[in-house]
Protein backbone atom coordinates (compact mmCIF):
# COMPACT_ATOMS: atom_id res chain seq x y z
CA MET A 1 114.35 95.50 6.37
CA ALA A 2 115.73 96.37 3.05
CA VAL A 3 113.61 96.11 -0.07
CA GLY A 4 116.10 93.65 -1.58
CA THR A 5 115.72 91.31 1.38
CA MET A 6 111.91 91.49 1.14
CA VAL A 7 112.02 90.70 -2.58
CA PHE A 8 114.42 87.81 -1.96
CA LEU A 9 112.17 86.36 0.77
CA ALA A 10 109.07 86.76 -1.42
CA VAL A 11 110.79 84.95 -4.33
CA LEU A 12 112.00 82.22 -1.96
CA VAL A 13 108.52 81.70 -0.47
CA PHE A 14 106.96 81.69 -3.95
CA THR A 15 109.53 79.13 -5.19
CA VAL A 16 109.01 76.83 -2.20
CA LEU A 17 105.21 77.02 -2.60
CA TYR A 18 105.50 76.34 -6.32
CA LEU A 19 107.71 73.28 -5.71
CA VAL A 20 105.32 71.97 -3.05
CA LEU A 21 102.35 72.39 -5.40
CA MET A 22 104.26 70.68 -8.20
CA TYR A 23 105.21 67.76 -5.94
CA ASN A 24 101.64 67.40 -4.68
CA GLY A 25 100.34 67.42 -8.25
CA LEU A 26 102.69 64.59 -9.19
CA VAL A 27 101.63 62.61 -6.12
CA ASN A 28 97.99 63.12 -7.09
CA LEU A 29 98.63 61.84 -10.62
CA LYS A 30 100.46 58.76 -9.30
CA HIS A 31 97.62 57.91 -6.96
CA ASN A 32 95.03 58.47 -9.70
CA VAL A 33 96.74 55.78 -11.76
CA ALA A 34 96.64 53.38 -8.81
CA LYS A 35 92.98 54.25 -8.10
CA HIS A 36 91.93 53.63 -11.71
CA LEU A 37 93.78 50.32 -11.79
CA ALA A 38 92.04 49.33 -8.56
CA ASN A 39 88.69 50.21 -10.19
CA ILE A 40 89.53 47.83 -13.05
CA ASP A 41 90.48 45.17 -10.50
CA VAL A 42 87.03 45.43 -8.89
CA LEU A 43 85.34 44.73 -12.22
CA LEU A 44 87.77 41.95 -13.09
CA LYS A 45 87.00 40.31 -9.75
CA GLN A 46 83.27 40.56 -10.38
CA ARG A 47 83.66 39.04 -13.84
CA HIS A 48 86.02 36.41 -12.45
CA ASP A 49 83.30 35.38 -9.99
CA GLU A 50 80.59 35.24 -12.69
CA LEU A 51 82.49 33.15 -15.25
CA PRO A 52 82.35 29.79 -13.41
CA LYS A 53 78.56 30.17 -13.18
CA LEU A 54 78.40 30.83 -16.92
CA VAL A 55 80.61 27.84 -17.73
CA GLU A 56 78.54 25.55 -15.49
CA THR A 57 75.32 26.73 -17.10
CA CYS A 58 76.77 26.17 -20.58
CA LYS A 59 78.10 22.70 -19.67
CA GLN A 60 74.55 21.52 -19.14
CA TYR A 61 73.73 22.23 -22.79
CA MET A 62 77.02 22.25 -24.67
CA GLN A 63 78.50 18.79 -24.08
CA PHE A 64 80.32 18.86 -27.41
CA GLU A 65 81.87 22.29 -26.96
CA GLN A 66 84.28 21.44 -24.15
CA ASP A 67 87.23 22.99 -26.01
CA THR A 68 85.58 26.42 -26.00
CA LEU A 69 84.64 26.11 -22.33
CA GLN A 70 88.21 25.11 -21.47
CA LYS A 71 89.53 28.17 -23.32
CA VAL A 72 87.31 30.41 -21.20
CA ILE A 73 88.50 28.71 -18.00
CA LEU A 74 92.17 28.98 -19.01
CA ALA A 75 91.83 32.61 -20.08
CA ARG A 76 90.09 33.42 -16.79
CA GLN A 77 93.04 31.94 -14.88
CA GLN A 78 95.56 33.89 -16.97
CA VAL A 79 93.76 37.14 -16.12
CA ALA A 80 93.78 36.23 -12.43
CA ASP A 81 97.50 35.38 -12.55
CA ALA A 82 98.45 38.62 -14.31
CA GLN A 83 96.30 40.58 -11.89
CA ALA A 84 97.91 38.89 -8.87
CA GLN A 85 101.39 39.63 -10.23
CA HIS A 86 100.50 43.27 -11.06
CA ASP A 87 101.72 42.59 -14.61
CA ILE A 88 100.02 45.32 -16.67
CA LYS A 89 101.28 44.05 -20.03
CA GLY A 90 100.34 40.47 -19.16
CA LEU A 91 96.95 41.64 -17.92
CA GLY A 92 96.25 43.35 -21.23
CA GLN A 93 97.17 40.21 -23.16
CA ALA A 94 95.18 37.94 -20.86
CA GLU A 95 92.18 40.25 -21.09
CA ASN A 96 92.33 40.05 -24.88
CA GLY A 97 92.37 36.25 -24.73
CA LEU A 98 89.44 36.14 -22.34
CA ARG A 99 87.37 38.53 -24.44
CA SER A 100 88.06 36.40 -27.51
CA SER A 101 87.09 33.19 -25.68
CA LEU A 102 83.89 34.75 -24.36
CA GLY A 103 83.03 35.95 -27.86
CA GLN A 104 83.40 32.41 -29.15
CA LEU A 105 81.32 31.04 -26.28
CA PHE A 106 78.49 33.51 -26.84
CA ALA A 107 78.59 32.87 -30.59
CA LEU A 108 78.38 29.10 -30.03
CA ALA A 109 75.44 29.63 -27.68
CA GLU A 110 73.48 30.69 -30.77
CA ASN A 111 73.52 27.00 -31.81
CA TYR A 112 71.75 25.96 -28.58
CA PRO A 113 68.22 27.38 -28.41
CA GLU A 114 67.60 25.78 -25.01
CA LEU A 115 70.70 27.48 -23.62
CA LYS A 116 69.75 30.85 -25.08
CA ALA A 117 66.30 30.49 -23.53
CA ASP A 118 67.71 29.56 -20.09
CA GLY A 119 67.06 32.42 -17.65
CA VAL A 120 70.33 31.86 -15.77
CA PHE A 121 72.29 31.99 -19.01
CA GLN A 122 70.50 35.13 -20.15
CA ASN A 123 71.15 36.81 -16.81
CA LEU A 124 74.83 35.82 -16.81
CA HIS A 125 75.25 36.85 -20.45
CA THR A 126 73.76 40.27 -19.69
CA ARG A 127 75.82 40.68 -16.52
CA ILE A 128 79.12 39.67 -18.16
CA SER A 129 78.43 41.84 -21.21
CA ALA A 130 77.79 44.81 -18.91
CA LEU A 131 81.01 44.05 -17.02
CA GLU A 132 82.92 43.85 -20.32
CA ASN A 133 81.64 47.29 -21.29
CA ALA A 134 82.51 48.70 -17.88
CA ILE A 135 86.00 47.20 -18.04
CA ALA A 136 86.54 48.77 -21.46
CA ASP A 137 85.43 52.14 -20.09
CA ARG A 138 87.68 51.84 -17.07
CA ARG A 139 90.62 50.82 -19.27
CA GLU A 140 90.16 54.07 -21.15
CA VAL A 141 90.08 56.10 -17.92
CA TYR A 142 93.14 54.22 -16.62
CA ASN A 143 95.07 54.88 -19.82
CA GLU A 144 94.18 58.57 -19.61
CA ALA A 145 95.50 58.72 -16.02
CA VAL A 146 98.69 56.91 -17.10
CA ASN A 147 99.14 59.29 -20.01
CA ASN A 148 98.66 62.35 -17.77
CA ASN A 149 101.22 60.98 -15.30
CA ASN A 150 103.76 60.02 -17.96
CA VAL A 151 103.54 63.37 -19.77
CA ARG A 152 103.76 65.38 -16.58
CA ILE A 153 106.88 63.61 -15.24
CA GLU A 154 108.65 64.40 -18.51
CA GLN A 155 107.69 68.08 -18.71
CA PHE A 156 109.98 70.81 -17.48
CA PRO A 157 110.16 71.82 -14.62
CA ASP A 158 108.16 68.85 -13.26
CA VAL A 159 110.83 66.47 -14.51
CA LEU A 160 113.22 67.90 -11.91
CA ILE A 161 110.89 67.05 -9.05
CA ALA A 162 109.94 63.71 -10.64
CA ARG A 163 113.57 62.64 -10.88
CA ALA A 164 114.46 63.94 -7.43
CA PHE A 165 111.64 61.96 -5.82
CA ASN A 166 111.82 58.94 -8.17
CA PHE A 167 108.40 59.25 -9.81
CA LYS A 168 108.05 56.54 -12.46
CA ALA A 169 106.17 56.14 -15.71
CA PHE A 170 103.39 53.55 -15.88
CA ASP A 171 102.50 51.12 -18.68
CA LEU A 172 99.31 51.56 -20.69
CA LEU A 173 96.80 48.75 -20.99
CA GLN A 174 97.09 48.13 -24.71
CA PHE A 175 95.06 46.13 -27.19
CA GLU A 176 96.55 43.35 -29.24
CA LYS A 177 96.86 44.07 -32.97
CA ALA A 178 94.25 41.36 -33.64
CA GLU A 179 91.72 43.26 -31.52
CA LEU A 180 92.07 46.34 -33.67
CA LYS A 181 90.99 44.50 -36.84
CA ASP A 182 87.38 44.13 -37.95
CA VAL A 183 85.73 40.99 -36.62
CA ASN A 184 84.52 38.41 -39.10
CA ILE A 185 81.33 37.24 -37.40
CA SER A 186 80.93 34.17 -39.62
CA THR A 187 84.20 32.74 -38.32
CA LEU A 188 82.90 32.95 -34.76
CA PHE A 189 79.91 30.81 -35.65
CA ASN A 190 82.13 28.23 -37.36
CA SER A 191 84.55 27.88 -34.44
């Protein structure tokens, strides 16, 4: 064989291997985004299951705070609906509403010493607070995976493979502008 043919075949093999590696890398990024969203779903489901127990426990002590309890129930349903519809933007907004409602509920619990002393309430409060922290951590990991995917499908030469095989950008889970402001704790106690 001629040297030119050998060089051509070597370049061809290298190019094919490079394209395969690039494609596989994009597939890996896409599936990482899905995996991280599924991890968030697991925590949302756990929290979703804990919230009715918390509301029932609070109802026993907080007869005059039905409005706050209803906000928690409604926000919980909005999260479940957005999750079922795979609506990332809606999920972010619903999550913000639920976190706000839970903050109000926990702040109001300060006015009920018997509730604060209740072992079931304390356990649920601790469990839900831990889930909230885990959800926040997983949101960060999800957003990082989305960012890695979105950057990679726009970079050259990956963009050529991404367009050829219809790789899409994903939406970030974003915070509402109100969540980025400092919280005035006194307003929570006066709600």
